[in-house]
Amino acid sequence: MIEVKDLKKKYGSKEVLRGLTFSVPEGIVLGFLGQNGAGKSTTMNIITGYLSATDGEVTVGGFNVLEEPDQAKRLIGYLPEQPPLYMDMTVEEYLNFVYDLKQIRLDRKKHIEEICAQVGVDEVYKRLIANLSKGFKQRVGIVQALIGNPPVLILDEPTEGLDPKQRIEIRNLITELGKNHTVILSSHILSEIQEICERIIIIKDGMIAADDSTRHLTDPLRGCSDLLVQILGPAKEVRAALLKIAGISAAECLQETEPGVFEYSVTVREDADVRRELFEVLSRHGWPLMGLRSRKMSLEETFLRLTE
């Protein structure tokens, strides 16, 4: 659905994008992450045609954004970080204005009513936008992106500034929209990205630092993996024995989970399998193994490892 090839962008001598290449197939929700200034918004603005690239190519649905902008833009619904709302209009006036601006040929009344009901703004349809809460303003921004039923949605920080309840509502809405649209979602709330998105691209300094499924990016077997091990035995002696096992680079006693049983965070080097030796060491000392599980990394931990 979206193809980005060797995308570059310069502002004077500052190179913001340095050869981004990725594709987004139809029907997935893609998380787009990066530190402030990494080039996220610039990339999304180029995809939507708001900005031109210094070099490279972007196609949406087979249409080149630079050479065939009208055809490409008809396939995209865009919600920038600051929703493009007119505060002196009612929701009804604004959405009809957007409908005319996009030159939509669907049944006006039916189309707008259906989207408003789907996004949950029908109850404020007659109200002035300036008087709406932040959450409803974000919803109206999403409605304007959906007018015309574009197959691609690009949402830049759609939950920014919302309270926890509003964030949950918008998150659930995006999940629902992802069933029928290709969605690119940028957010600083990484737990949302981890919950909503099936694939994630992380960019650093204008280049791709990671491009993988959410599951693989938070897989504890990437790089060093952490194990949480519960062992019945003297904490200091157990920790010292763990550190002597080949493949274990670190061991930290976290807490006493029950009388005499301590939980340890154990870091295992990449590609090392310590289970057999761990069992032998504990058996030799007569320390029962009470629990063993992988500690899955959060997306925040993965993000920090890749961008710092």
C-alpha atoms as a PDB file:
ATOM      1  CA  MET A   1       0.000   0.000   0.000  1.00  0.00           C
ATOM      2  CA  ILE A   2       2.822   2.445   0.939  1.00  0.00           C
ATOM      3  CA  GLU A   3       6.343   2.289  -0.488  1.00  0.00           C
ATOM      4  CA  VAL A   4       9.109   4.595   0.770  1.00  0.00           C
ATOM      5  CA  LYS A   5      12.416   4.343  -1.102  1.00  0.00           C
ATOM      6  CA  ASP A   6      15.676   6.047  -0.102  1.00  0.00           C
ATOM      7  CA  LEU A   7      13.840   9.051   1.332  1.00  0.00           C
ATOM      8  CA  LYS A   8      16.019  12.078   2.135  1.00  0.00           C
ATOM      9  CA  LYS A   9      15.184  15.509   3.464  1.00  0.00           C
ATOM     10  CA  LYS A  10      17.449  18.479   4.137  1.00  0.00           C
ATOM     11  CA  TYR A  11      16.754  21.851   5.714  1.00  0.00           C
ATOM     12  CA  GLY A  12      19.742  23.868   4.554  1.00  0.00           C
ATOM     13  CA  SER A  13      22.786  21.910   5.675  1.00  0.00           C
ATOM     14  CA  LYS A  14      20.829  19.868   8.241  1.00  0.00           C
ATOM     15  CA  GLU A  15      19.997  16.372   7.005  1.00  0.00           C
ATOM     16  CA  VAL A  16      16.773  15.256   8.716  1.00  0.00           C
ATOM     17  CA  LEU A  17      16.128  12.046   6.754  1.00  0.00           C
ATOM     18  CA  ARG A  18      19.065  10.008   5.513  1.00  0.00           C
ATOM     19  CA  GLY A  19      17.786   7.374   3.123  1.00  0.00           C
ATOM     20  CA  LEU A  20      14.673   5.857   4.719  1.00  0.00           C
ATOM     21  CA  THR A  21      13.364   2.763   2.953  1.00  0.00           C
ATOM     22  CA  PHE A  22      10.355   0.757   4.128  1.00  0.00           C
ATOM     23  CA  SER A  23       7.000  -0.530   2.938  1.00  0.00           C
ATOM     24  CA  VAL A  24       3.633  -0.816   4.639  1.00  0.00           C
ATOM     25  CA  PRO A  25       1.355  -3.555   3.286  1.00  0.00           C
ATOM     26  CA  GLU A  26      -2.397  -3.256   3.218  1.00  0.00           C
ATOM     27  CA  GLY A  27      -4.381  -3.842   6.371  1.00  0.00           C
ATOM     28  CA  ILE A  28      -1.867  -3.448   9.227  1.00  0.00           C
ATOM     29  CA  VAL A  29      -1.400  -0.980  12.074  1.00  0.00           C
ATOM     30  CA  LEU A  30       2.194   0.264  12.016  1.00  0.00           C
ATOM     31  CA  GLY A  31       3.789   2.053  14.952  1.00  0.00           C
ATOM     32  CA  PHE A  32       6.207   4.807  13.922  1.00  0.00           C
ATOM     33  CA  LEU A  33       8.603   5.755  16.713  1.00  0.00           C
ATOM     34  CA  GLY A  34      11.615   7.958  17.273  1.00  0.00           C
ATOM     35  CA  GLN A  35      13.003  10.571  19.633  1.00  0.00           C
ATOM     36  CA  ASN A  36      12.081  14.221  19.166  1.00  0.00           C
ATOM     37  CA  GLY A  37      13.799  15.443  16.023  1.00  0.00           C
ATOM     38  CA  ALA A  38      14.399  11.939  14.654  1.00  0.00           C
ATOM     39  CA  GLY A  39      12.279  12.682  11.561  1.00  0.00           C
ATOM     40  CA  LYS A  40       8.921  11.045  12.339  1.00  0.00           C
ATOM     41  CA  SER A  41       6.657  13.974  11.535  1.00  0.00           C
ATOM     42  CA  THR A  42       8.792  14.930   8.537  1.00  0.00           C
ATOM     43  CA  THR A  43       8.375  11.430   7.106  1.00  0.00           C
ATOM     44  CA  MET A  44       4.620  11.452   7.652  1.00  0.00           C
ATOM     45  CA  ASN A  45       4.310  14.915   6.117  1.00  0.00           C
ATOM     46  CA  ILE A  46       6.172  13.728   3.026  1.00  0.00           C
ATOM     47  CA  ILE A  47       3.980  10.632   2.713  1.00  0.00           C
ATOM     48  CA  THR A  48       0.857  12.793   2.877  1.00  0.00           C
ATOM     49  CA  GLY A  49       2.233  15.350   0.419  1.00  0.00           C
ATOM     50  CA  TYR A  50       2.449  18.195   2.954  1.00  0.00           C
ATOM     51  CA  LEU A  51       6.214  18.370   2.384  1.00  0.00           C
ATOM     52  CA  SER A  52       8.406  17.548  -0.576  1.00  0.00           C
ATOM     53  CA  ALA A  53      11.436  15.298  -0.213  1.00  0.00           C
ATOM     54  CA  THR A  54      14.955  16.366  -1.127  1.00  0.00           C
ATOM     55  CA  ASP A  55      15.441  12.951  -2.729  1.00  0.00           C
ATOM     56  CA  GLY A  56      13.794   9.556  -2.838  1.00  0.00           C
ATOM     57  CA  GLU A  57      10.318   8.333  -3.727  1.00  0.00           C
ATOM     58  CA  VAL A  58       7.014   7.687  -1.985  1.00  0.00           C
ATOM     59  CA  THR A  59       4.100   5.833  -3.557  1.00  0.00           C
ATOM     60  CA  VAL A  60       0.678   5.239  -2.049  1.00  0.00           C
ATOM     61  CA  GLY A  61      -1.491   2.634  -3.727  1.00  0.00           C
ATOM     62  CA  GLY A  62       0.884   2.729  -6.702  1.00  0.00           C
ATOM     63  CA  PHE A  63       0.622   6.522  -7.135  1.00  0.00           C
ATOM     64  CA  ASN A  64       3.743   8.641  -6.764  1.00  0.00           C
ATOM     65  CA  VAL A  65       3.062  11.340  -4.155  1.00  0.00           C
ATOM     66  CA  LEU A  66       5.159  13.911  -6.030  1.00  0.00           C
ATOM     67  CA  GLU A  67       4.130  13.112  -9.601  1.00  0.00           C
ATOM     68  CA  GLU A  68       0.493  12.088  -8.983  1.00  0.00           C
ATOM     69  CA  PRO A  69      -0.429  14.017  -5.823  1.00  0.00           C
ATOM     70  CA  ASP A  70      -4.188  14.168  -6.327  1.00  0.00           C
ATOM     71  CA  GLN A  71      -4.561  10.404  -6.809  1.00  0.00           C
ATOM     72  CA  ALA A  72      -2.231   9.617  -3.903  1.00  0.00           C
ATOM     73  CA  LYS A  73      -3.854  12.073  -1.483  1.00  0.00           C
ATOM     74  CA  ARG A  74      -7.332  10.673  -2.140  1.00  0.00           C
ATOM     75  CA  LEU A  75      -6.118   7.435  -0.552  1.00  0.00           C
ATOM     76  CA  ILE A  76      -4.909   9.101   2.655  1.00  0.00           C
ATOM     77  CA  GLY A  77      -6.642  10.417   5.741  1.00  0.00           C
ATOM     78  CA  TYR A  78      -4.287  12.475   7.899  1.00  0.00           C
ATOM     79  CA  LEU A  79      -4.518  13.653  11.486  1.00  0.00           C
ATOM     80  CA  PRO A  80      -1.502  15.868  12.283  1.00  0.00           C
ATOM     81  CA  GLU A  81      -0.329  16.424  15.845  1.00  0.00           C
ATOM     82  CA  GLN A  82      -2.391  19.630  15.962  1.00  0.00           C
ATOM     83  CA  PRO A  83      -5.815  18.756  14.466  1.00  0.00           C
ATOM     84  CA  PRO A  84      -6.663  21.175  11.623  1.00  0.00           C
ATOM     85  CA  LEU A  85      -9.868  22.478  13.214  1.00  0.00           C
ATOM     86  CA  TYR A  86     -11.666  25.811  12.801  1.00  0.00           C
ATOM     87  CA  MET A  87     -12.763  26.818  16.289  1.00  0.00           C
ATOM     88  CA  ASP A  88     -15.446  29.249  15.104  1.00  0.00           C
ATOM     89  CA  MET A  89     -17.326  26.507  13.220  1.00  0.00           C
ATOM     90  CA  THR A  90     -19.716  23.922  14.564  1.00  0.00           C
ATOM     91  CA  VAL A  91     -18.786  20.276  14.059  1.00  0.00           C
ATOM     92  CA  GLU A  92     -21.489  20.063  11.380  1.00  0.00           C
ATOM     93  CA  GLU A  93     -20.184  23.103   9.503  1.00  0.00           C
ATOM     94  CA  TYR A  94     -16.587  21.940   9.700  1.00  0.00           C
ATOM     95  CA  LEU A  95     -17.220  18.391   8.481  1.00  0.00           C
ATOM     96  CA  ASN A  96     -19.324  19.655   5.567  1.00  0.00           C
ATOM     97  CA  PHE A  97     -16.487  22.060   4.734  1.00  0.00           C
ATOM     98  CA  VAL A  98     -14.006  19.155   4.704  1.00  0.00           C
ATOM     99  CA  TYR A  99     -16.413  17.104   2.580  1.00  0.00           C
ATOM    100  CA  ASP A 100     -16.499  19.903  -0.031  1.00  0.00           C
ATOM    101  CA  LEU A 101     -12.746  20.463   0.202  1.00  0.00           C
ATOM    102  CA  LYS A 102     -12.040  16.787  -0.552  1.00  0.00           C
ATOM    103  CA  GLN A 103     -14.626  16.801  -3.375  1.00  0.00           C
ATOM    104  CA  ILE A 104     -16.295  13.649  -2.092  1.00  0.00           C
ATOM    105  CA  ARG A 105     -19.078  12.176  -4.221  1.00  0.00           C
ATOM    106  CA  LEU A 106     -20.651   9.875  -1.640  1.00  0.00           C
ATOM    107  CA  ASP A 107     -24.074  10.670  -0.183  1.00  0.00           C
ATOM    108  CA  ARG A 108     -23.136  13.636   2.005  1.00  0.00           C
ATOM    109  CA  LYS A 109     -25.615  13.283   4.861  1.00  0.00           C
ATOM    110  CA  LYS A 110     -25.399   9.508   5.147  1.00  0.00           C
ATOM    111  CA  HIS A 111     -21.606   9.419   4.862  1.00  0.00           C
ATOM    112  CA  ILE A 112     -20.928  12.068   7.511  1.00  0.00           C
ATOM    113  CA  GLU A 113     -23.532  10.629   9.885  1.00  0.00           C
ATOM    114  CA  GLU A 114     -22.025   7.135   9.615  1.00  0.00           C
ATOM    115  CA  ILE A 115     -18.512   8.347  10.415  1.00  0.00           C
ATOM    116  CA  CYS A 116     -19.709  10.537  13.280  1.00  0.00           C
ATOM    117  CA  ALA A 117     -21.540   7.583  14.801  1.00  0.00           C
ATOM    118  CA  GLN A 118     -18.480   5.340  14.352  1.00  0.00           C
ATOM    119  CA  VAL A 119     -16.121   7.824  16.011  1.00  0.00           C
ATOM    120  CA  GLY A 120     -18.618   8.945  18.629  1.00  0.00           C
ATOM    121  CA  VAL A 121     -19.084  12.636  17.856  1.00  0.00           C
ATOM    122  CA  ASP A 122     -22.752  12.515  16.842  1.00  0.00           C
ATOM    123  CA  GLU A 123     -23.734  13.855  20.286  1.00  0.00           C
ATOM    124  CA  VAL A 124     -21.711  17.056  19.718  1.00  0.00           C
ATOM    125  CA  TYR A 125     -22.551  17.431  16.018  1.00  0.00           C
ATOM    126  CA  LYS A 126     -24.296  20.791  16.463  1.00  0.00           C
ATOM    127  CA  ARG A 127     -21.839  22.247  18.967  1.00  0.00           C
ATOM    128  CA  LEU A 128     -19.153  24.862  18.405  1.00  0.00           C
ATOM    129  CA  ILE A 129     -15.717  23.233  18.109  1.00  0.00           C
ATOM    130  CA  ALA A 130     -14.160  25.830  20.428  1.00  0.00           C
ATOM    131  CA  ASN A 131     -16.430  24.609  23.232  1.00  0.00           C
ATOM    132  CA  LEU A 132     -15.504  20.928  22.905  1.00  0.00           C
ATOM    133  CA  SER A 133     -13.217  19.030  25.252  1.00  0.00           C
ATOM    134  CA  LYS A 134      -9.750  18.016  24.077  1.00  0.00           C
ATOM    135  CA  GLY A 135     -10.968  14.448  23.605  1.00  0.00           C
ATOM    136  CA  PHE A 136     -13.849  15.448  21.350  1.00  0.00           C
ATOM    137  CA  LYS A 137     -11.601  17.771  19.348  1.00  0.00           C
ATOM    138  CA  GLN A 138      -9.304  14.799  18.701  1.00  0.00           C
ATOM    139  CA  ARG A 139     -12.325  12.750  17.640  1.00  0.00           C
ATOM    140  CA  VAL A 140     -13.447  15.461  15.226  1.00  0.00           C
ATOM    141  CA  GLY A 141      -9.903  15.441  13.822  1.00  0.00           C
ATOM    142  CA  ILE A 142     -10.197  11.697  13.245  1.00  0.00           C
ATOM    143  CA  VAL A 143     -13.589  12.150  11.559  1.00  0.00           C
ATOM    144  CA  GLN A 144     -12.132  14.659   9.075  1.00  0.00           C
ATOM    145  CA  ALA A 145      -9.385  12.125   8.283  1.00  0.00           C
ATOM    146  CA  LEU A 146     -12.036   9.456   7.604  1.00  0.00           C
ATOM    147  CA  ILE A 147     -14.181  11.540   5.271  1.00  0.00           C
ATOM    148  CA  GLY A 148     -14.067   9.926   1.846  1.00  0.00           C
ATOM    149  CA  ASN A 149     -13.275   6.474   3.309  1.00  0.00           C
ATOM    150  CA  PRO A 150      -9.529   6.605   2.522  1.00  0.00           C
ATOM    151  CA  PRO A 151      -7.841   3.185   2.845  1.00  0.00           C
ATOM    152  CA  VAL A 152      -4.790   4.731   4.577  1.00  0.00           C
ATOM    153  CA  LEU A 153      -4.857   6.614   7.894  1.00  0.00           C
ATOM    154  CA  ILE A 154      -1.828   8.489   9.220  1.00  0.00           C
ATOM    155  CA  LEU A 155      -2.248   9.578  12.827  1.00  0.00           C
ATOM    156  CA  ASP A 156       0.396  11.746  14.490  1.00  0.00           C
ATOM    157  CA  GLU A 157       0.113  11.749  18.295  1.00  0.00           C
ATOM    158  CA  PRO A 158      -3.680  11.206  18.327  1.00  0.00           C
ATOM    159  CA  THR A 159      -3.855  10.856  22.139  1.00  0.00           C
ATOM    160  CA  GLU A 160      -1.535  13.749  23.007  1.00  0.00           C
ATOM    161  CA  GLY A 161      -2.870  15.738  25.972  1.00  0.00           C
ATOM    162  CA  LEU A 162      -5.809  13.446  26.685  1.00  0.00           C
ATOM    163  CA  ASP A 163      -6.723  12.109  30.111  1.00  0.00           C
ATOM    164  CA  PRO A 164      -6.459   8.324  30.748  1.00  0.00           C
ATOM    165  CA  LYS A 165     -10.130   7.666  29.978  1.00  0.00           C
ATOM    166  CA  GLN A 166      -9.986   9.612  26.717  1.00  0.00           C
ATOM    167  CA  ARG A 167      -6.770   7.817  25.719  1.00  0.00           C
ATOM    168  CA  ILE A 168      -8.420   4.440  26.208  1.00  0.00           C
ATOM    169  CA  GLU A 169     -11.389   5.527  24.088  1.00  0.00           C
ATOM    170  CA  ILE A 170      -9.186   6.784  21.244  1.00  0.00           C
ATOM    171  CA  ARG A 171      -6.975   3.687  21.496  1.00  0.00           C
ATOM    172  CA  ASN A 172     -10.007   1.415  21.184  1.00  0.00           C
ATOM    173  CA  LEU A 173     -11.202   3.470  18.235  1.00  0.00           C
ATOM    174  CA  ILE A 174      -7.854   3.130  16.432  1.00  0.00           C
ATOM    175  CA  THR A 175      -7.878  -0.623  17.042  1.00  0.00           C
ATOM    176  CA  GLU A 176     -11.323  -0.781  15.451  1.00  0.00           C
ATOM    177  CA  LEU A 177     -10.268   1.387  12.517  1.00  0.00           C
ATOM    178  CA  GLY A 178      -7.265  -0.882  11.961  1.00  0.00           C
ATOM    179  CA  LYS A 179      -9.603  -3.695  10.951  1.00  0.00           C
ATOM    180  CA  ASN A 180     -10.531  -1.876   7.725  1.00  0.00           C
ATOM    181  CA  HIS A 181      -7.642   0.539   7.124  1.00  0.00           C
ATOM    182  CA  THR A 182      -3.880   0.625   6.822  1.00  0.00           C
ATOM    183  CA  VAL A 183      -2.810   2.774   9.779  1.00  0.00           C
ATOM    184  CA  ILE A 184       0.488   4.522  10.545  1.00  0.00           C
ATOM    185  CA  LEU A 185       0.460   5.632  14.169  1.00  0.00           C
ATOM    186  CA  SER A 186       3.003   7.849  15.905  1.00  0.00           C
ATOM    187  CA  SER A 187       2.880   8.270  19.671  1.00  0.00           C
ATOM    188  CA  HIS A 188       5.163   9.007  22.613  1.00  0.00           C
ATOM    189  CA  ILE A 189       3.051   6.669  24.759  1.00  0.00           C
ATOM    190  CA  LEU A 190       4.905   3.462  24.005  1.00  0.00           C
ATOM    191  CA  SER A 191       2.532   1.211  25.929  1.00  0.00           C
ATOM    192  CA  GLU A 192      -0.193   2.255  23.465  1.00  0.00           C
ATOM    193  CA  ILE A 193       1.985   1.406  20.488  1.00  0.00           C
ATOM    194  CA  GLN A 194       2.819  -1.959  22.005  1.00  0.00           C
ATOM    195  CA  GLU A 195      -0.864  -2.723  22.572  1.00  0.00           C
ATOM    196  CA  ILE A 196      -2.257  -1.460  19.250  1.00  0.00           C
ATOM    197  CA  CYS A 197       0.427  -2.057  16.618  1.00  0.00           C
ATOM    198  CA  GLU A 198       1.440  -5.351  15.068  1.00  0.00           C
ATOM    199  CA  ARG A 199       4.596  -3.905  13.507  1.00  0.00           C
ATOM    200  CA  ILE A 200       6.924  -1.113  14.607  1.00  0.00           C
ATOM    201  CA  ILE A 201       9.506   1.042  12.866  1.00  0.00           C
ATOM    202  CA  ILE A 202      11.943   2.948  15.084  1.00  0.00           C
ATOM    203  CA  ILE A 203      14.008   5.705  13.503  1.00  0.00           C
ATOM    204  CA  LYS A 204      17.092   7.390  14.912  1.00  0.00           C
ATOM    205  CA  ASP A 205      18.815  10.412  13.391  1.00  0.00           C
ATOM    206  CA  GLY A 206      16.837  10.071  10.171  1.00  0.00           C
ATOM    207  CA  MET A 207      17.619   6.380   9.657  1.00  0.00           C
ATOM    208  CA  ILE A 208      15.814   3.161  10.527  1.00  0.00           C
ATOM    209  CA  ALA A 209      17.095   1.626  13.765  1.00  0.00           C
ATOM    210  CA  ALA A 210      14.562  -1.225  13.818  1.00  0.00           C
ATOM    211  CA  ASP A 211      11.747  -2.575  11.667  1.00  0.00           C
ATOM    212  CA  ASP A 212      10.061  -5.688  13.020  1.00  0.00           C
ATOM    213  CA  SER A 213       6.913  -7.136  14.517  1.00  0.00           C
ATOM    214  CA  THR A 214       5.983  -5.890  17.982  1.00  0.00           C
ATOM    215  CA  ARG A 215       6.422  -9.404  19.356  1.00  0.00           C
ATOM    216  CA  HIS A 216       9.970  -9.753  18.029  1.00  0.00           C
ATOM    217  CA  LEU A 217      11.026  -6.288  19.160  1.00  0.00           C
ATOM    218  CA  THR A 218      10.054  -7.109  22.743  1.00  0.00           C
ATOM    219  CA  ASP A 219      11.349 -10.691  22.588  1.00  0.00           C
ATOM    220  CA  PRO A 220      13.722 -11.271  25.515  1.00  0.00           C
ATOM    221  CA  LEU A 221      15.980 -13.346  23.277  1.00  0.00           C
ATOM    222  CA  ARG A 222      17.035 -10.274  21.299  1.00  0.00           C
ATOM    223  CA  GLY A 223      20.488  -9.285  22.540  1.00  0.00           C
ATOM    224  CA  CYS A 224      20.676 -10.271  26.205  1.00  0.00           C
ATOM    225  CA  SER A 225      17.638 -11.909  27.754  1.00  0.00           C
ATOM    226  CA  ASP A 226      16.574 -11.621  31.356  1.00  0.00           C
ATOM    227  CA  LEU A 227      15.333 -14.601  33.307  1.00  0.00           C
ATOM    228  CA  LEU A 228      13.428 -14.362  36.559  1.00  0.00           C
ATOM    229  CA  VAL A 229      14.542 -17.289  38.710  1.00  0.00           C
ATOM    230  CA  GLN A 230      13.160 -18.256  42.133  1.00  0.00           C
ATOM    231  CA  ILE A 231      15.487 -20.399  44.236  1.00  0.00           C
ATOM    232  CA  LEU A 232      15.233 -21.756  47.789  1.00  0.00           C
ATOM    233  CA  GLY A 233      18.638 -21.160  49.346  1.00  0.00           C
ATOM    234  CA  PRO A 234      20.988 -18.569  50.909  1.00  0.00           C
ATOM    235  CA  ALA A 235      20.860 -15.467  48.733  1.00  0.00           C
ATOM    236  CA  LYS A 236      24.562 -14.533  48.686  1.00  0.00           C
ATOM    237  CA  GLU A 237      25.777 -18.081  47.969  1.00  0.00           C
ATOM    238  CA  VAL A 238      23.130 -18.626  45.311  1.00  0.00           C
ATOM    239  CA  ARG A 239      24.015 -15.385  43.522  1.00  0.00           C
ATOM    240  CA  ALA A 240      27.722 -16.241  43.580  1.00  0.00           C
ATOM    241  CA  ALA A 241      26.993 -19.669  42.094  1.00  0.00           C
ATOM    242  CA  LEU A 242      24.813 -18.184  39.361  1.00  0.00           C
ATOM    243  CA  LEU A 243      27.579 -15.821  38.294  1.00  0.00           C
ATOM    244  CA  LYS A 244      29.950 -18.768  37.797  1.00  0.00           C
ATOM    245  CA  ILE A 245      27.678 -20.333  35.168  1.00  0.00           C
ATOM    246  CA  ALA A 246      28.986 -19.827  31.627  1.00  0.00           C
ATOM    247  CA  GLY A 247      26.555 -17.676  29.673  1.00  0.00           C
ATOM    248  CA  ILE A 248      25.268 -15.698  32.654  1.00  0.00           C
ATOM    249  CA  SER A 249      26.642 -12.147  32.637  1.00  0.00           C
ATOM    250  CA  ALA A 250      24.741 -10.724  35.604  1.00  0.00           C
ATOM    251  CA  ALA A 251      22.580 -11.856  38.510  1.00  0.00           C
ATOM    252  CA  GLU A 252      20.717  -9.625  40.938  1.00  0.00           C
ATOM    253  CA  CYS A 253      18.678 -10.653  43.943  1.00  0.00           C
ATOM    254  CA  LEU A 254      15.367  -8.796  43.689  1.00  0.00           C
ATOM    255  CA  GLN A 255      13.244  -9.908  46.633  1.00  0.00           C
ATOM    256  CA  GLU A 256      12.297 -12.669  49.017  1.00  0.00           C
ATOM    257  CA  THR A 257       9.045 -14.066  47.617  1.00  0.00           C
ATOM    258  CA  GLU A 258       8.430 -16.487  50.501  1.00  0.00           C
ATOM    259  CA  PRO A 259      10.462 -17.626  53.523  1.00  0.00           C
ATOM    260  CA  GLY A 260      13.892 -18.680  52.244  1.00  0.00           C
ATOM    261  CA  VAL A 261      12.952 -18.277  48.555  1.00  0.00           C
ATOM    262  CA  PHE A 262      14.612 -15.410  46.661  1.00  0.00           C
ATOM    263  CA  GLU A 263      13.909 -14.116  43.177  1.00  0.00           C
ATOM    264  CA  TYR A 264      16.853 -13.244  40.937  1.00  0.00           C
ATOM    265  CA  SER A 265      17.050 -11.284  37.702  1.00  0.00           C
ATOM    266  CA  VAL A 266      19.547 -13.218  35.576  1.00  0.00           C
ATOM    267  CA  THR A 267      20.963 -11.799  32.349  1.00  0.00           C
ATOM    268  CA  VAL A 268      21.890 -14.437  29.774  1.00  0.00           C
ATOM    269  CA  ARG A 269      24.241 -13.692  26.892  1.00  0.00           C
ATOM    270  CA  GLU A 270      22.864 -13.971  23.370  1.00  0.00           C
ATOM    271  CA  ASP A 271      22.473 -17.536  22.042  1.00  0.00           C
ATOM    272  CA  ALA A 272      23.433 -19.068  25.408  1.00  0.00           C
ATOM    273  CA  ASP A 273      21.275 -21.850  26.876  1.00  0.00           C
ATOM    274  CA  VAL A 274      21.973 -22.059  30.614  1.00  0.00           C
ATOM    275  CA  ARG A 275      19.121 -24.327  31.672  1.00  0.00           C
ATOM    276  CA  ARG A 276      21.079 -27.588  31.934  1.00  0.00           C
ATOM    277  CA  GLU A 277      24.034 -26.096  33.832  1.00  0.00           C
ATOM    278  CA  LEU A 278      21.686 -24.089  36.054  1.00  0.00           C
ATOM    279  CA  PHE A 279      19.857 -27.276  37.011  1.00  0.00           C
ATOM    280  CA  GLU A 280      23.135 -29.113  37.713  1.00  0.00           C
ATOM    281  CA  VAL A 281      24.502 -26.305  39.908  1.00  0.00           C
ATOM    282  CA  LEU A 282      21.323 -26.044  41.951  1.00  0.00           C
ATOM    283  CA  SER A 283      21.088 -29.844  42.317  1.00  0.00           C
ATOM    284  CA  ARG A 284      24.705 -30.067  43.484  1.00  0.00           C
ATOM    285  CA  HIS A 285      24.066 -27.517  46.230  1.00  0.00           C
ATOM    286  CA  GLY A 286      20.638 -28.871  47.155  1.00  0.00           C
ATOM    287  CA  TRP A 287      18.855 -25.595  46.298  1.00  0.00           C
ATOM    288  CA  PRO A 288      15.361 -26.303  44.903  1.00  0.00           C
ATOM    289  CA  LEU A 289      14.362 -24.337  41.785  1.00  0.00           C
ATOM    290  CA  MET A 290      10.961 -22.848  42.661  1.00  0.00           C
ATOM    291  CA  GLY A 291      10.321 -20.883  39.440  1.00  0.00           C
ATOM    292  CA  LEU A 292      11.871 -19.912  36.106  1.00  0.00           C
ATOM    293  CA  ARG A 293      10.472 -17.571  33.450  1.00  0.00           C
ATOM    294  CA  SER A 294      11.614 -15.135  30.814  1.00  0.00           C
ATOM    295  CA  ARG A 295      11.311 -11.459  31.575  1.00  0.00           C
ATOM    296  CA  LYS A 296       9.896  -9.919  28.420  1.00  0.00           C
ATOM    297  CA  MET A 297      11.280  -6.481  27.635  1.00  0.00           C
ATOM    298  CA  SER A 298       8.843  -3.597  27.426  1.00  0.00           C
ATOM    299  CA  LEU A 299       8.772  -1.580  24.245  1.00  0.00           C
ATOM    300  CA  GLU A 300      10.178   1.320  26.263  1.00  0.00           C
ATOM    301  CA  GLU A 301      13.281  -0.728  27.143  1.00  0.00           C
ATOM    302  CA  THR A 302      13.704  -1.784  23.523  1.00  0.00           C
ATOM    303  CA  PHE A 303      13.270   1.798  22.336  1.00  0.00           C
ATOM    304  CA  LEU A 304      15.884   3.113  24.765  1.00  0.00           C
ATOM    305  CA  ARG A 305      18.390   0.409  23.796  1.00  0.00           C
ATOM    306  CA  LEU A 306      18.010   1.213  20.109  1.00  0.00           C
ATOM    307  CA  THR A 307      18.025   5.006  20.325  1.00  0.00           C
ATOM    308  CA  GLU A 308      20.551   5.806  23.056  1.00  0.00           C
END
